[in-house]
Full PDB file with SEQRES, HELIX, SHEET, SSBOND, CRYST1, ORIGX, SCALE, CONECT and MASTER records, all heavy atoms in Angstrom:
SEQRES   1 A   30  ALA ILE LEU ILE ASN PRO LYS HIS TYR LEU THR TYR ASN          
SEQRES   2 A   30  LYS ASN THR GLU ILE ILE ILE ASN SER GLU PHE ASN VAL          
SEQRES   3 A   30  LEU ASN LYS LYS                                              
HELIX    1 AA1 LYS A    7  THR A   11  1                                   5    
HELIX    2 AA2 ASN A   13  ASN A   15  5                                   3    
HELIX    3 AA3 THR A   16  LYS A   29  1                                  14    
CRYST1    1.000    1.000    1.000  90.00  90.00  90.00 P 1           1          
ORIGX1      1.000000  0.000000  0.000000        0.00000                         
ORIGX2      0.000000  1.000000  0.000000        0.00000                         
ORIGX3      0.000000  0.000000  1.000000        0.00000                         
SCALE1      1.000000  0.000000  0.000000        0.00000                         
SCALE2      0.000000  1.000000  0.000000        0.00000                         
SCALE3      0.000000  0.000000  1.000000        0.00000                         
ATOM      1  N   ALA A   1     -14.136 -19.445   1.207  1.00  0.00           N  
ATOM      2  CA  ALA A   1     -14.348 -19.770  -0.184  1.00  0.00           C  
ATOM      3  C   ALA A   1     -14.031 -18.495  -1.011  1.00  0.00           C  
ATOM      4  O   ALA A   1     -14.597 -17.467  -0.624  1.00  0.00           O  
ATOM      5  CB  ALA A   1     -15.831 -20.069  -0.383  1.00  0.00           C  
ATOM      6  N   ILE A   2     -13.227 -18.646  -2.027  1.00  0.00           N  
ATOM      7  CA  ILE A   2     -13.111 -17.591  -2.950  1.00  0.00           C  
ATOM      8  C   ILE A   2     -14.005 -17.688  -4.237  1.00  0.00           C  
ATOM      9  O   ILE A   2     -13.872 -18.747  -4.854  1.00  0.00           O  
ATOM     10  CB  ILE A   2     -11.592 -17.433  -3.341  1.00  0.00           C  
ATOM     11  CG1 ILE A   2     -10.615 -17.376  -2.258  1.00  0.00           C  
ATOM     12  CG2 ILE A   2     -11.359 -16.353  -4.443  1.00  0.00           C  
ATOM     13  CD1 ILE A   2      -9.211 -17.618  -2.578  1.00  0.00           C  
ATOM     14  N   LEU A   3     -14.903 -16.739  -4.379  1.00  0.00           N  
ATOM     15  CA  LEU A   3     -15.697 -16.818  -5.550  1.00  0.00           C  
ATOM     16  C   LEU A   3     -14.738 -16.580  -6.849  1.00  0.00           C  
ATOM     17  O   LEU A   3     -14.213 -15.584  -6.939  1.00  0.00           O  
ATOM     18  CB  LEU A   3     -16.808 -15.865  -5.582  1.00  0.00           C  
ATOM     19  CG  LEU A   3     -17.695 -15.752  -6.810  1.00  0.00           C  
ATOM     20  CD1 LEU A   3     -18.362 -17.056  -7.125  1.00  0.00           C  
ATOM     21  CD2 LEU A   3     -18.785 -14.616  -6.602  1.00  0.00           C  
ATOM     22  N   ILE A   4     -14.755 -17.557  -7.833  1.00  0.00           N  
ATOM     23  CA  ILE A   4     -13.942 -17.437  -8.922  1.00  0.00           C  
ATOM     24  C   ILE A   4     -14.701 -16.644 -10.097  1.00  0.00           C  
ATOM     25  O   ILE A   4     -15.800 -16.885 -10.329  1.00  0.00           O  
ATOM     26  CB  ILE A   4     -13.622 -18.852  -9.511  1.00  0.00           C  
ATOM     27  CG1 ILE A   4     -12.754 -19.644  -8.489  1.00  0.00           C  
ATOM     28  CG2 ILE A   4     -12.929 -18.809 -10.818  1.00  0.00           C  
ATOM     29  CD1 ILE A   4     -12.664 -21.176  -8.837  1.00  0.00           C  
ATOM     30  N   ASN A   5     -14.016 -15.587 -10.548  1.00  0.00           N  
ATOM     31  CA  ASN A   5     -14.508 -14.755 -11.574  1.00  0.00           C  
ATOM     32  C   ASN A   5     -14.911 -15.662 -12.836  1.00  0.00           C  
ATOM     33  O   ASN A   5     -14.064 -16.253 -13.395  1.00  0.00           O  
ATOM     34  CB  ASN A   5     -13.514 -13.661 -12.051  1.00  0.00           C  
ATOM     35  CG  ASN A   5     -14.118 -12.573 -12.852  1.00  0.00           C  
ATOM     36  OD1 ASN A   5     -15.074 -12.873 -13.563  1.00  0.00           O  
ATOM     37  ND2 ASN A   5     -13.575 -11.488 -12.598  1.00  0.00           N  
ATOM     38  N   PRO A   6     -16.185 -15.703 -13.239  1.00  0.00           N  
ATOM     39  CA  PRO A   6     -16.577 -16.493 -14.259  1.00  0.00           C  
ATOM     40  C   PRO A   6     -15.922 -16.136 -15.656  1.00  0.00           C  
ATOM     41  O   PRO A   6     -15.741 -16.959 -16.581  1.00  0.00           O  
ATOM     42  CB  PRO A   6     -18.052 -16.187 -14.479  1.00  0.00           C  
ATOM     43  CG  PRO A   6     -18.511 -15.681 -13.173  1.00  0.00           C  
ATOM     44  CD  PRO A   6     -17.279 -14.950 -12.627  1.00  0.00           C  
ATOM     45  N   LYS A   7     -15.319 -14.837 -15.710  1.00  0.00           N  
ATOM     46  CA  LYS A   7     -14.616 -14.486 -17.027  1.00  0.00           C  
ATOM     47  C   LYS A   7     -13.319 -15.342 -17.174  1.00  0.00           C  
ATOM     48  O   LYS A   7     -12.926 -15.410 -18.197  1.00  0.00           O  
ATOM     49  CB  LYS A   7     -14.259 -13.065 -16.881  1.00  0.00           C  
ATOM     50  CG  LYS A   7     -15.554 -12.076 -17.011  1.00  0.00           C  
ATOM     51  CD  LYS A   7     -15.070 -10.617 -17.015  1.00  0.00           C  
ATOM     52  CE  LYS A   7     -16.359  -9.690 -17.116  1.00  0.00           C  
ATOM     53  NZ  LYS A   7     -16.070  -8.324 -17.171  1.00  0.00           N  
ATOM     54  N   HIS A   8     -12.766 -15.863 -16.072  1.00  0.00           N  
ATOM     55  CA  HIS A   8     -11.615 -16.696 -16.190  1.00  0.00           C  
ATOM     56  C   HIS A   8     -11.892 -17.936 -17.003  1.00  0.00           C  
ATOM     57  O   HIS A   8     -10.990 -18.499 -17.678  1.00  0.00           O  
ATOM     58  CB  HIS A   8     -11.170 -17.081 -14.837  1.00  0.00           C  
ATOM     59  CG  HIS A   8     -10.215 -16.070 -14.249  1.00  0.00           C  
ATOM     60  ND1 HIS A   8     -10.573 -14.765 -13.952  1.00  0.00           N  
ATOM     61  CD2 HIS A   8      -8.846 -16.120 -13.904  1.00  0.00           C  
ATOM     62  CE1 HIS A   8      -9.495 -14.057 -13.468  1.00  0.00           C  
ATOM     63  NE2 HIS A   8      -8.521 -14.860 -13.380  1.00  0.00           N  
ATOM     64  N   TYR A   9     -13.135 -18.472 -16.967  1.00  0.00           N  
ATOM     65  CA  TYR A   9     -13.409 -19.679 -17.718  1.00  0.00           C  
ATOM     66  C   TYR A   9     -13.532 -19.377 -19.262  1.00  0.00           C  
ATOM     67  O   TYR A   9     -13.427 -20.221 -20.033  1.00  0.00           O  
ATOM     68  CB  TYR A   9     -14.704 -20.345 -17.143  1.00  0.00           C  
ATOM     69  CG  TYR A   9     -14.517 -20.945 -15.873  1.00  0.00           C  
ATOM     70  CD1 TYR A   9     -14.683 -20.285 -14.711  1.00  0.00           C  
ATOM     71  CD2 TYR A   9     -14.143 -22.379 -15.834  1.00  0.00           C  
ATOM     72  CE1 TYR A   9     -14.432 -20.977 -13.512  1.00  0.00           C  
ATOM     73  CE2 TYR A   9     -13.941 -22.972 -14.652  1.00  0.00           C  
ATOM     74  CZ  TYR A   9     -14.052 -22.234 -13.399  1.00  0.00           C  
ATOM     75  OH  TYR A   9     -13.861 -22.894 -12.245  1.00  0.00           O  
ATOM     76  N   LEU A  10     -13.756 -18.120 -19.505  1.00  0.00           N  
ATOM     77  CA  LEU A  10     -13.655 -17.663 -20.934  1.00  0.00           C  
ATOM     78  C   LEU A  10     -12.260 -17.345 -21.377  1.00  0.00           C  
ATOM     79  O   LEU A  10     -11.851 -17.573 -22.545  1.00  0.00           O  
ATOM     80  CB  LEU A  10     -14.576 -16.411 -21.203  1.00  0.00           C  
ATOM     81  CG  LEU A  10     -16.065 -16.548 -20.840  1.00  0.00           C  
ATOM     82  CD1 LEU A  10     -16.657 -15.182 -21.040  1.00  0.00           C  
ATOM     83  CD2 LEU A  10     -16.599 -17.593 -21.893  1.00  0.00           C  
ATOM     84  N   THR A  11     -11.416 -16.822 -20.424  1.00  0.00           N  
ATOM     85  CA  THR A  11     -10.082 -16.479 -20.768  1.00  0.00           C  
ATOM     86  C   THR A  11      -9.208 -17.704 -20.940  1.00  0.00           C  
ATOM     87  O   THR A  11      -8.419 -17.774 -21.939  1.00  0.00           O  
ATOM     88  CB  THR A  11      -9.520 -15.610 -19.564  1.00  0.00           C  
ATOM     89  OG1 THR A  11     -10.333 -14.466 -19.485  1.00  0.00           O  
ATOM     90  CG2 THR A  11      -8.088 -15.239 -19.868  1.00  0.00           C  
ATOM     91  N   TYR A  12      -9.297 -18.759 -19.995  1.00  0.00           N  
ATOM     92  CA  TYR A  12      -8.466 -19.841 -20.034  1.00  0.00           C  
ATOM     93  C   TYR A  12      -9.061 -21.188 -20.503  1.00  0.00           C  
ATOM     94  O   TYR A  12      -8.347 -22.213 -20.607  1.00  0.00           O  
ATOM     95  CB  TYR A  12      -7.817 -20.124 -18.725  1.00  0.00           C  
ATOM     96  CG  TYR A  12      -7.072 -18.739 -18.076  1.00  0.00           C  
ATOM     97  CD1 TYR A  12      -7.479 -18.138 -16.895  1.00  0.00           C  
ATOM     98  CD2 TYR A  12      -6.034 -18.205 -18.829  1.00  0.00           C  
ATOM     99  CE1 TYR A  12      -6.848 -17.124 -16.375  1.00  0.00           C  
ATOM    100  CE2 TYR A  12      -5.410 -17.086 -18.272  1.00  0.00           C  
ATOM    101  CZ  TYR A  12      -5.853 -16.494 -17.143  1.00  0.00           C  
ATOM    102  OH  TYR A  12      -5.224 -15.413 -16.700  1.00  0.00           O  
ATOM    103  N   ASN A  13     -10.310 -21.177 -20.710  1.00  0.00           N  
ATOM    104  CA  ASN A  13     -10.972 -22.336 -21.190  1.00  0.00           C  
ATOM    105  C   ASN A  13     -10.771 -23.527 -20.323  1.00  0.00           C  
ATOM    106  O   ASN A  13     -10.847 -23.480 -19.154  1.00  0.00           O  
ATOM    107  CB  ASN A  13     -10.708 -22.558 -22.707  1.00  0.00           C  
ATOM    108  CG  ASN A  13     -11.032 -21.468 -23.629  1.00  0.00           C  
ATOM    109  OD1 ASN A  13     -12.119 -20.964 -23.503  1.00  0.00           O  
ATOM    110  ND2 ASN A  13      -9.997 -20.875 -24.296  1.00  0.00           N  
ATOM    111  N   LYS A  14     -10.459 -24.704 -20.965  1.00  0.00           N  
ATOM    112  CA  LYS A  14     -10.331 -25.946 -20.159  1.00  0.00           C  
ATOM    113  C   LYS A  14      -9.026 -25.943 -19.151  1.00  0.00           C  
ATOM    114  O   LYS A  14      -8.970 -26.755 -18.411  1.00  0.00           O  
ATOM    115  CB  LYS A  14     -10.104 -27.151 -21.119  1.00  0.00           C  
ATOM    116  CG  LYS A  14      -8.858 -27.125 -22.015  1.00  0.00           C  
ATOM    117  CD  LYS A  14      -8.735 -28.277 -22.896  1.00  0.00           C  
ATOM    118  CE  LYS A  14      -7.467 -28.281 -23.819  1.00  0.00           C  
ATOM    119  NZ  LYS A  14      -7.447 -29.422 -24.554  1.00  0.00           N  
ATOM    120  N   ASN A  15      -8.137 -24.977 -19.293  1.00  0.00           N  
ATOM    121  CA  ASN A  15      -7.055 -24.920 -18.450  1.00  0.00           C  
ATOM    122  C   ASN A  15      -7.305 -23.988 -17.176  1.00  0.00           C  
ATOM    123  O   ASN A  15      -6.443 -23.800 -16.369  1.00  0.00           O  
ATOM    124  CB  ASN A  15      -5.785 -24.349 -19.166  1.00  0.00           C  
ATOM    125  CG  ASN A  15      -5.388 -25.166 -20.281  1.00  0.00           C  
ATOM    126  OD1 ASN A  15      -5.926 -25.092 -21.497  1.00  0.00           O  
ATOM    127  ND2 ASN A  15      -4.411 -26.128 -20.106  1.00  0.00           N  
ATOM    128  N   THR A  16      -8.533 -23.496 -17.062  1.00  0.00           N  
ATOM    129  CA  THR A  16      -8.792 -22.444 -15.985  1.00  0.00           C  
ATOM    130  C   THR A  16      -8.537 -22.992 -14.674  1.00  0.00           C  
ATOM    131  O   THR A  16      -7.749 -22.342 -13.905  1.00  0.00           O  
ATOM    132  CB  THR A  16     -10.334 -22.061 -16.190  1.00  0.00           C  
ATOM    133  OG1 THR A  16     -10.555 -21.473 -17.366  1.00  0.00           O  
ATOM    134  CG2 THR A  16     -10.559 -21.042 -14.982  1.00  0.00           C  
ATOM    135  N   GLU A  17      -8.960 -24.063 -14.246  1.00  0.00           N  
ATOM    136  CA  GLU A  17      -8.900 -24.676 -12.969  1.00  0.00           C  
ATOM    137  C   GLU A  17      -7.449 -24.987 -12.654  1.00  0.00           C  
ATOM    138  O   GLU A  17      -6.863 -24.806 -11.544  1.00  0.00           O  
ATOM    139  CB  GLU A  17      -9.803 -25.711 -12.619  1.00  0.00           C  
ATOM    140  CG  GLU A  17     -11.236 -25.227 -12.704  1.00  0.00           C  
ATOM    141  CD  GLU A  17     -12.308 -26.322 -12.211  1.00  0.00           C  
ATOM    142  OE1 GLU A  17     -11.897 -27.397 -11.868  1.00  0.00           O  
ATOM    143  OE2 GLU A  17     -13.506 -25.992 -12.223  1.00  0.00           O  
ATOM    144  N   ILE A  18      -6.591 -25.416 -13.643  1.00  0.00           N  
ATOM    145  CA  ILE A  18      -5.135 -25.744 -13.380  1.00  0.00           C  
ATOM    146  C   ILE A  18      -4.472 -24.408 -13.103  1.00  0.00           C  
ATOM    147  O   ILE A  18      -3.670 -24.390 -12.247  1.00  0.00           O  
ATOM    148  CB  ILE A  18      -4.623 -26.392 -14.697  1.00  0.00           C  
ATOM    149  CG1 ILE A  18      -5.269 -27.799 -14.890  1.00  0.00           C  
ATOM    150  CG2 ILE A  18      -3.051 -26.535 -14.515  1.00  0.00           C  
ATOM    151  CD1 ILE A  18      -4.789 -28.406 -16.177  1.00  0.00           C  
ATOM    152  N   ILE A  19      -4.758 -23.366 -13.874  1.00  0.00           N  
ATOM    153  CA  ILE A  19      -4.172 -22.036 -13.640  1.00  0.00           C  
ATOM    154  C   ILE A  19      -4.520 -21.476 -12.322  1.00  0.00           C  
ATOM    155  O   ILE A  19      -3.640 -20.857 -11.579  1.00  0.00           O  
ATOM    156  CB  ILE A  19      -4.513 -21.108 -14.820  1.00  0.00           C  
ATOM    157  CG1 ILE A  19      -3.763 -21.578 -16.132  1.00  0.00           C  
ATOM    158  CG2 ILE A  19      -4.075 -19.654 -14.553  1.00  0.00           C  
ATOM    159  CD1 ILE A  19      -4.160 -20.925 -17.483  1.00  0.00           C  
ATOM    160  N   ILE A  20      -5.730 -21.557 -11.900  1.00  0.00           N  
ATOM    161  CA  ILE A  20      -6.265 -21.107 -10.606  1.00  0.00           C  
ATOM    162  C   ILE A  20      -5.504 -21.714  -9.520  1.00  0.00           C  
ATOM    163  O   ILE A  20      -5.027 -21.128  -8.629  1.00  0.00           O  
ATOM    164  CB  ILE A  20      -7.736 -21.150 -10.535  1.00  0.00           C  
ATOM    165  CG1 ILE A  20      -8.406 -20.060 -11.376  1.00  0.00           C  
ATOM    166  CG2 ILE A  20      -8.152 -20.992  -9.100  1.00  0.00           C  
ATOM    167  CD1 ILE A  20      -9.838 -20.319 -11.572  1.00  0.00           C  
ATOM    168  N   ASN A  21      -5.491 -23.048  -9.494  1.00  0.00           N  
ATOM    169  CA  ASN A  21      -4.707 -23.865  -8.576  1.00  0.00           C  
ATOM    170  C   ASN A  21      -3.217 -23.412  -8.524  1.00  0.00           C  
ATOM    171  O   ASN A  21      -2.674 -23.426  -7.386  1.00  0.00           O  
ATOM    172  CB  ASN A  21      -4.804 -25.319  -8.858  1.00  0.00           C  
ATOM    173  CG  ASN A  21      -6.164 -25.856  -8.315  1.00  0.00           C  
ATOM    174  OD1 ASN A  21      -6.520 -25.594  -7.210  1.00  0.00           O  
ATOM    175  ND2 ASN A  21      -6.815 -26.732  -9.154  1.00  0.00           N  
ATOM    176  N   SER A  22      -2.625 -23.196  -9.646  1.00  0.00           N  
ATOM    177  CA  SER A  22      -1.233 -22.751  -9.622  1.00  0.00           C  
ATOM    178  C   SER A  22      -1.040 -21.439  -9.006  1.00  0.00           C  
ATOM    179  O   SER A  22      -0.002 -21.341  -8.199  1.00  0.00           O  
ATOM    180  CB  SER A  22      -0.661 -22.803 -11.062  1.00  0.00           C  
ATOM    181  OG  SER A  22      -0.603 -24.158 -11.608  1.00  0.00           O  
ATOM    182  N   GLU A  23      -1.856 -20.592  -9.342  1.00  0.00           N  
ATOM    183  CA  GLU A  23      -1.695 -19.085  -8.744  1.00  0.00           C  
ATOM    184  C   GLU A  23      -1.882 -19.223  -7.240  1.00  0.00           C  
ATOM    185  O   GLU A  23      -1.071 -18.653  -6.509  1.00  0.00           O  
ATOM    186  CB  GLU A  23      -2.732 -18.173  -9.277  1.00  0.00           C  
ATOM    187  CG  GLU A  23      -2.445 -16.719  -8.776  1.00  0.00           C  
ATOM    188  CD  GLU A  23      -3.461 -15.739  -9.343  1.00  0.00           C  
ATOM    189  OE1 GLU A  23      -4.324 -16.150 -10.192  1.00  0.00           O  
ATOM    190  OE2 GLU A  23      -3.405 -14.612  -8.921  1.00  0.00           O  
ATOM    191  N   PHE A  24      -2.835 -19.962  -6.780  1.00  0.00           N  
ATOM    192  CA  PHE A  24      -3.046 -19.957  -5.277  1.00  0.00           C  
ATOM    193  C   PHE A  24      -1.925 -20.692  -4.627  1.00  0.00           C  
ATOM    194  O   PHE A  24      -1.580 -20.344  -3.491  1.00  0.00           O  
ATOM    195  CB  PHE A  24      -4.382 -20.688  -4.990  1.00  0.00           C  
ATOM    196  CG  PHE A  24      -4.864 -20.664  -3.569  1.00  0.00           C  
ATOM    197  CD1 PHE A  24      -5.435 -19.515  -3.021  1.00  0.00           C  
ATOM    198  CD2 PHE A  24      -4.530 -21.734  -2.704  1.00  0.00           C  
ATOM    199  CE1 PHE A  24      -5.679 -19.403  -1.720  1.00  0.00           C  
ATOM    200  CE2 PHE A  24      -4.752 -21.607  -1.348  1.00  0.00           C  
ATOM    201  CZ  PHE A  24      -5.414 -20.548  -0.842  1.00  0.00           C  
ATOM    202  N   ASN A  25      -1.411 -21.779  -5.375  1.00  0.00           N  
ATOM    203  CA  ASN A  25      -0.359 -22.557  -4.744  1.00  0.00           C  
ATOM    204  C   ASN A  25       0.867 -21.730  -4.589  1.00  0.00           C  
ATOM    205  O   ASN A  25       1.663 -21.846  -3.573  1.00  0.00           O  
ATOM    206  CB  ASN A  25      -0.026 -23.715  -5.669  1.00  0.00           C  
ATOM    207  CG  ASN A  25       0.767 -24.772  -4.915  1.00  0.00           C  
ATOM    208  OD1 ASN A  25       0.555 -25.116  -3.710  1.00  0.00           O  
ATOM    209  ND2 ASN A  25       1.787 -25.331  -5.580  1.00  0.00           N  
ATOM    210  N   VAL A  26       1.215 -20.767  -5.484  1.00  0.00           N  
ATOM    211  CA  VAL A  26       2.340 -19.899  -5.268  1.00  0.00           C  
ATOM    212  C   VAL A  26       2.257 -19.056  -4.141  1.00  0.00           C  
ATOM    213  O   VAL A  26       3.103 -18.889  -3.249  1.00  0.00           O  
ATOM    214  CB  VAL A  26       2.639 -19.065  -6.647  1.00  0.00           C  
ATOM    215  CG1 VAL A  26       3.725 -18.062  -6.314  1.00  0.00           C  
ATOM    216  CG2 VAL A  26       2.937 -19.970  -7.852  1.00  0.00           C  
ATOM    217  N   LEU A  27       1.007 -18.397  -3.871  1.00  0.00           N  
ATOM    218  CA  LEU A  27       0.681 -17.594  -2.798  1.00  0.00           C  
ATOM    219  C   LEU A  27       0.722 -18.569  -1.474  1.00  0.00           C  
ATOM    220  O   LEU A  27       1.330 -18.032  -0.447  1.00  0.00           O  
ATOM    221  CB  LEU A  27      -0.738 -17.029  -2.891  1.00  0.00           C  
ATOM    222  CG  LEU A  27      -1.219 -16.262  -1.728  1.00  0.00           C  
ATOM    223  CD1 LEU A  27      -0.381 -14.941  -1.579  1.00  0.00           C  
ATOM    224  CD2 LEU A  27      -2.767 -15.959  -1.989  1.00  0.00           C  
ATOM    225  N   ASN A  28       0.198 -19.776  -1.536  1.00  0.00           N  
ATOM    226  CA  ASN A  28       0.226 -20.506  -0.362  1.00  0.00           C  
ATOM    227  C   ASN A  28       1.656 -20.906   0.028  1.00  0.00           C  
ATOM    228  O   ASN A  28       1.958 -21.004   1.211  1.00  0.00           O  
ATOM    229  CB  ASN A  28      -0.614 -21.804  -0.751  1.00  0.00           C  
ATOM    230  CG  ASN A  28      -0.792 -22.724   0.386  1.00  0.00           C  
ATOM    231  OD1 ASN A  28      -0.964 -22.283   1.454  1.00  0.00           O  
ATOM    232  ND2 ASN A  28      -0.685 -24.042   0.267  1.00  0.00           N  
ATOM    233  N   LYS A  29       2.524 -21.177  -0.859  1.00  0.00           N  
ATOM    234  CA  LYS A  29       3.929 -21.525  -0.549  1.00  0.00           C  
ATOM    235  C   LYS A  29       4.652 -20.433   0.040  1.00  0.00           C  
ATOM    236  O   LYS A  29       5.485 -20.479   1.001  1.00  0.00           O  
ATOM    237  CB  LYS A  29       4.650 -21.877  -1.847  1.00  0.00           C  
ATOM    238  CG  LYS A  29       4.434 -23.271  -2.323  1.00  0.00           C  
ATOM    239  CD  LYS A  29       5.247 -23.782  -3.438  1.00  0.00           C  
ATOM    240  CE  LYS A  29       4.957 -25.215  -3.808  1.00  0.00           C  
ATOM    241  NZ  LYS A  29       5.917 -25.668  -4.908  1.00  0.00           N  
ATOM    242  N   LYS A  30       4.310 -19.087  -0.312  1.00  0.00           N  
ATOM    243  CA  LYS A  30       5.001 -17.984   0.354  1.00  0.00           C  
ATOM    244  C   LYS A  30       4.544 -17.668   1.716  1.00  0.00           C  
ATOM    245  O   LYS A  30       5.368 -17.407   2.598  1.00  0.00           O  
ATOM    246  CB  LYS A  30       4.702 -16.673  -0.508  1.00  0.00           C  
ATOM    247  CG  LYS A  30       5.376 -15.402   0.043  1.00  0.00           C  
ATOM    248  CD  LYS A  30       5.258 -14.211  -0.910  1.00  0.00           C  
ATOM    249  CE  LYS A  30       6.029 -13.008  -0.313  1.00  0.00           C  
ATOM    250  NZ  LYS A  30       6.008 -11.911  -1.245  1.00  0.00           N  
TER     251      LYS A  30                                                      
MASTER        0    0    0    3    0    0    0    6  250    1    0    3          
END                                                                             
């Protein structure tokens, strides 16, 4: 489990989890 920085929910608002999934997916694909 990766603890998600709560500040990301202030930075990206309703798009936070989409952005987090996308970043992890790029790492996962590599």
